[in-house]
Amino acid sequence: MESSERKKIFVFDTSVVSALFHIDILEKLIEFKHSFNHIELILSKEVFDELKNYKEIMEIEHILKQIFKIYDVPIDILKEINLKYRGLGQGELGTLALASNLSKQDTQLSVIAIIDDERGRKVADKLRLEKHGTLWLIIYLKKLKIIDKEKAKKAVRKLRIKGFYITNEELKKAIAEIERGC
């Protein structure tokens, strides 16, 4: 495996999966996963349990299981992070604990927390985890030609309609990046 193809693990938070579902991009992760063998897409059991609260998402549970591997996070790691960083939701806690655990297990892995929650992103920084969010992922999928330019722009615009907080400046910047060809 070349250094540019170092194994990457993307650990998704609940809100990202929900956003991708609502902007009709979630199923594109199947193609993404199959096109890039060095990338693994995973959910913590806590995130999967939170997704069970979304009836419309659980109607495609079989697709979720095609896209993601679901991991149990050691309870001691969950407790440690929960005690140290109060105020995280179960999904954020599971995402950060799993990403932290995986990055400590194998330093050769590139573990990326895919998380939008502001508090969760701050904790990711404190844990020294690489992190990105939904906007980054849409642009990344466009860059890798998993989605085309028009689908990417439509998805970014649809985020706001679906209740995703994005400033006008962030929206313009994302659209410009997609237009440039990422």
Protein backbone atom coordinates (compact mmCIF):
# COMPACT_ATOMS: atom_id res chain seq x y z
CA MET A 1 0.00 0.00 0.00
CA GLU A 2 1.51 3.32 -1.06
CA SER A 3 1.79 6.12 1.49
CA SER A 4 -0.90 8.05 -0.39
CA GLU A 5 -3.17 5.07 0.16
CA ARG A 6 -2.61 4.85 3.90
CA LYS A 7 -5.64 3.25 5.49
CA LYS A 8 -8.22 5.83 6.47
CA ILE A 9 -11.07 5.32 8.88
CA PHE A 10 -13.97 7.78 8.85
CA VAL A 11 -15.96 7.67 12.10
CA PHE A 12 -19.38 9.27 11.53
CA ASP A 13 -21.56 11.13 13.99
CA THR A 14 -25.36 10.85 13.96
CA SER A 15 -26.05 14.34 12.62
CA VAL A 16 -23.77 13.78 9.62
CA VAL A 17 -25.52 10.53 8.66
CA SER A 18 -28.88 12.24 9.09
CA ALA A 19 -27.80 15.23 6.96
CA LEU A 20 -26.45 12.97 4.19
CA PHE A 21 -29.73 11.02 4.23
CA HIS A 22 -31.85 14.16 3.99
CA ILE A 23 -29.85 15.65 1.11
CA ASP A 24 -29.91 12.36 -0.84
CA ILE A 25 -26.19 11.63 -0.68
CA LEU A 26 -26.03 8.83 1.91
CA GLU A 27 -26.34 6.03 -0.65
CA LYS A 28 -23.39 7.51 -2.60
CA LEU A 29 -21.23 6.29 0.28
CA ILE A 30 -21.68 2.75 -1.05
CA GLU A 31 -19.88 3.74 -4.25
CA PHE A 32 -17.31 5.68 -2.22
CA LYS A 33 -16.61 2.68 -0.02
CA HIS A 34 -16.26 0.30 -2.98
CA SER A 35 -14.10 2.69 -5.02
CA PHE A 36 -11.50 3.23 -2.31
CA ASN A 37 -10.42 0.03 -0.55
CA HIS A 38 -8.16 1.93 1.84
CA ILE A 39 -11.11 3.82 3.36
CA GLU A 40 -13.36 2.30 6.00
CA LEU A 41 -16.63 3.95 7.07
CA ILE A 42 -17.74 3.20 10.60
CA LEU A 43 -20.30 4.08 13.26
CA SER A 44 -20.12 3.58 16.98
CA LYS A 45 -22.93 1.52 18.48
CA GLU A 46 -24.04 4.74 20.22
CA VAL A 47 -24.52 6.48 16.86
CA PHE A 48 -26.34 3.48 15.41
CA ASP A 49 -28.61 3.43 18.47
CA GLU A 50 -29.36 7.16 18.00
CA LEU A 51 -30.17 6.57 14.33
CA LYS A 52 -32.84 4.08 15.45
CA ASN A 53 -34.80 7.14 16.64
CA TYR A 54 -35.14 8.29 13.02
CA LYS A 55 -37.88 6.12 11.57
CA GLU A 56 -37.27 7.25 7.97
CA ILE A 57 -33.54 6.47 8.21
CA MET A 58 -34.15 3.06 9.77
CA GLU A 59 -36.32 2.17 6.78
CA ILE A 60 -32.98 1.86 4.98
CA GLU A 61 -31.19 0.01 7.80
CA HIS A 62 -29.95 -2.56 5.27
CA ILE A 63 -28.24 0.24 3.33
CA LEU A 64 -26.68 1.63 6.53
CA LYS A 65 -25.24 -1.82 7.18
CA GLN A 66 -23.84 -1.95 3.61
CA ILE A 67 -22.11 1.38 4.10
CA PHE A 68 -20.92 1.25 7.70
CA LYS A 69 -19.30 -1.21 10.04
CA ILE A 70 -20.73 -0.80 13.54
CA TYR A 71 -18.29 -0.94 16.45
CA ASP A 72 -18.69 -1.25 20.18
CA VAL A 73 -16.62 1.28 22.08
CA PRO A 74 -14.92 0.00 25.24
CA ILE A 75 -17.01 1.27 28.17
CA ASP A 76 -13.93 2.55 30.04
CA ILE A 77 -13.04 4.87 27.13
CA LEU A 78 -16.63 6.15 26.93
CA LYS A 79 -16.63 6.84 30.68
CA GLU A 80 -13.22 8.53 30.61
CA ILE A 81 -14.17 10.93 27.81
CA ASN A 82 -17.61 11.55 29.30
CA LEU A 83 -16.10 12.47 32.68
CA LYS A 84 -13.42 14.69 31.17
CA TYR A 85 -15.63 16.44 28.60
CA ARG A 86 -19.13 16.92 29.99
CA GLY A 87 -22.05 17.88 27.80
CA LEU A 88 -21.55 15.60 24.81
CA GLY A 89 -24.54 13.76 23.38
CA GLN A 90 -24.37 9.97 23.14
CA GLY A 91 -23.59 10.11 19.42
CA GLU A 92 -20.77 12.63 19.78
CA LEU A 93 -19.42 10.70 22.75
CA GLY A 94 -19.48 7.41 20.82
CA THR A 95 -17.89 8.99 17.74
CA LEU A 96 -15.07 10.66 19.65
CA ALA A 97 -14.41 7.69 21.93
CA LEU A 98 -14.25 5.30 18.97
CA ALA A 99 -12.02 7.61 16.91
CA SER A 100 -9.74 8.15 19.90
CA ASN A 101 -9.54 4.44 20.66
CA LEU A 102 -8.78 3.49 17.04
CA SER A 103 -6.11 6.15 16.63
CA LYS A 104 -4.36 4.97 19.81
CA GLN A 105 -4.53 1.31 18.75
CA ASP A 106 -2.73 1.87 15.46
CA THR A 107 -0.78 5.06 14.85
CA GLN A 108 -0.36 4.10 11.17
CA LEU A 109 -4.09 4.59 10.62
CA SER A 110 -5.52 7.92 9.60
CA VAL A 111 -8.63 8.20 11.77
CA ILE A 112 -11.01 11.05 10.96
CA ALA A 113 -14.02 12.02 13.04
CA ILE A 114 -16.81 13.20 10.74
CA ILE A 115 -18.67 15.47 13.14
CA ASP A 116 -20.52 18.79 12.88
CA ASP A 117 -21.46 19.51 16.50
CA GLU A 118 -19.43 22.51 17.73
CA ARG A 119 -18.84 21.06 21.21
CA GLY A 120 -17.84 17.72 19.68
CA ARG A 121 -15.38 19.43 17.31
CA LYS A 122 -13.76 21.26 20.23
CA VAL A 123 -13.37 17.99 22.12
CA ALA A 124 -11.91 16.37 18.97
CA ASP A 125 -9.27 19.12 18.98
CA LYS A 126 -8.48 18.45 22.65
CA LEU A 127 -8.18 14.72 21.87
CA ARG A 128 -5.89 15.62 18.93
CA LEU A 129 -8.20 13.94 16.44
CA GLU A 130 -8.46 14.89 12.81
CA LYS A 131 -12.00 16.07 12.18
CA HIS A 132 -14.15 17.20 9.31
CA GLY A 133 -17.85 17.81 8.81
CA THR A 134 -20.67 17.32 6.36
CA LEU A 135 -19.66 20.21 4.08
CA TRP A 136 -16.12 18.87 3.80
CA LEU A 137 -17.44 15.40 3.02
CA ILE A 138 -19.67 16.67 0.19
CA ILE A 139 -16.72 18.53 -1.33
CA TYR A 140 -14.48 15.48 -0.85
CA LEU A 141 -17.03 13.24 -2.64
CA LYS A 142 -17.12 15.75 -5.49
CA LYS A 143 -13.31 15.87 -5.64
CA LEU A 144 -13.21 12.07 -5.90
CA LYS A 145 -15.91 12.15 -8.62
CA ILE A 146 -18.40 10.16 -6.53
CA ILE A 147 -20.87 12.99 -7.09
CA ASP A 148 -20.84 15.53 -9.90
CA LYS A 149 -20.62 19.32 -9.58
CA GLU A 150 -24.38 19.91 -9.86
CA LYS A 151 -25.24 17.22 -7.28
CA ALA A 152 -22.64 18.67 -4.89
CA LYS A 153 -23.98 22.24 -5.25
CA LYS A 154 -27.57 21.04 -4.85
CA ALA A 155 -26.59 19.05 -1.74
CA VAL A 156 -24.84 22.03 -0.14
CA ARG A 157 -27.83 24.28 -0.79
CA LYS A 158 -30.24 21.62 0.48
CA LEU A 159 -28.38 21.41 3.80
CA ARG A 160 -29.72 24.79 4.84
CA ILE A 161 -33.27 23.90 3.76
CA LYS A 162 -33.06 20.76 5.91
CA GLY A 163 -32.15 22.80 9.00
CA PHE A 164 -28.36 22.52 8.85
CA TYR A 165 -26.76 25.70 10.18
CA ILE A 166 -24.54 27.26 7.54
CA THR A 167 -23.69 30.93 7.17
CA ASN A 168 -24.02 32.72 3.83
CA GLU A 169 -20.23 33.05 3.76
CA GLU A 170 -19.72 29.29 4.33
CA LEU A 171 -22.32 28.51 1.67
CA LYS A 172 -20.64 30.81 -0.89
CA LYS A 173 -17.20 29.41 -0.03
CA ALA A 174 -18.38 25.80 -0.44
CA ILE A 175 -20.11 26.53 -3.77
CA ALA A 176 -16.99 28.37 -5.01
CA GLU A 177 -14.80 25.41 -4.04
CA ILE A 178 -17.12 23.02 -5.88
CA GLU A 179 -17.12 25.34 -8.93
CA ARG A 180 -13.30 25.42 -8.93
CA GLY A 181 -13.29 21.70 -9.25
CA CYS A 182 -12.11 21.06 -5.69
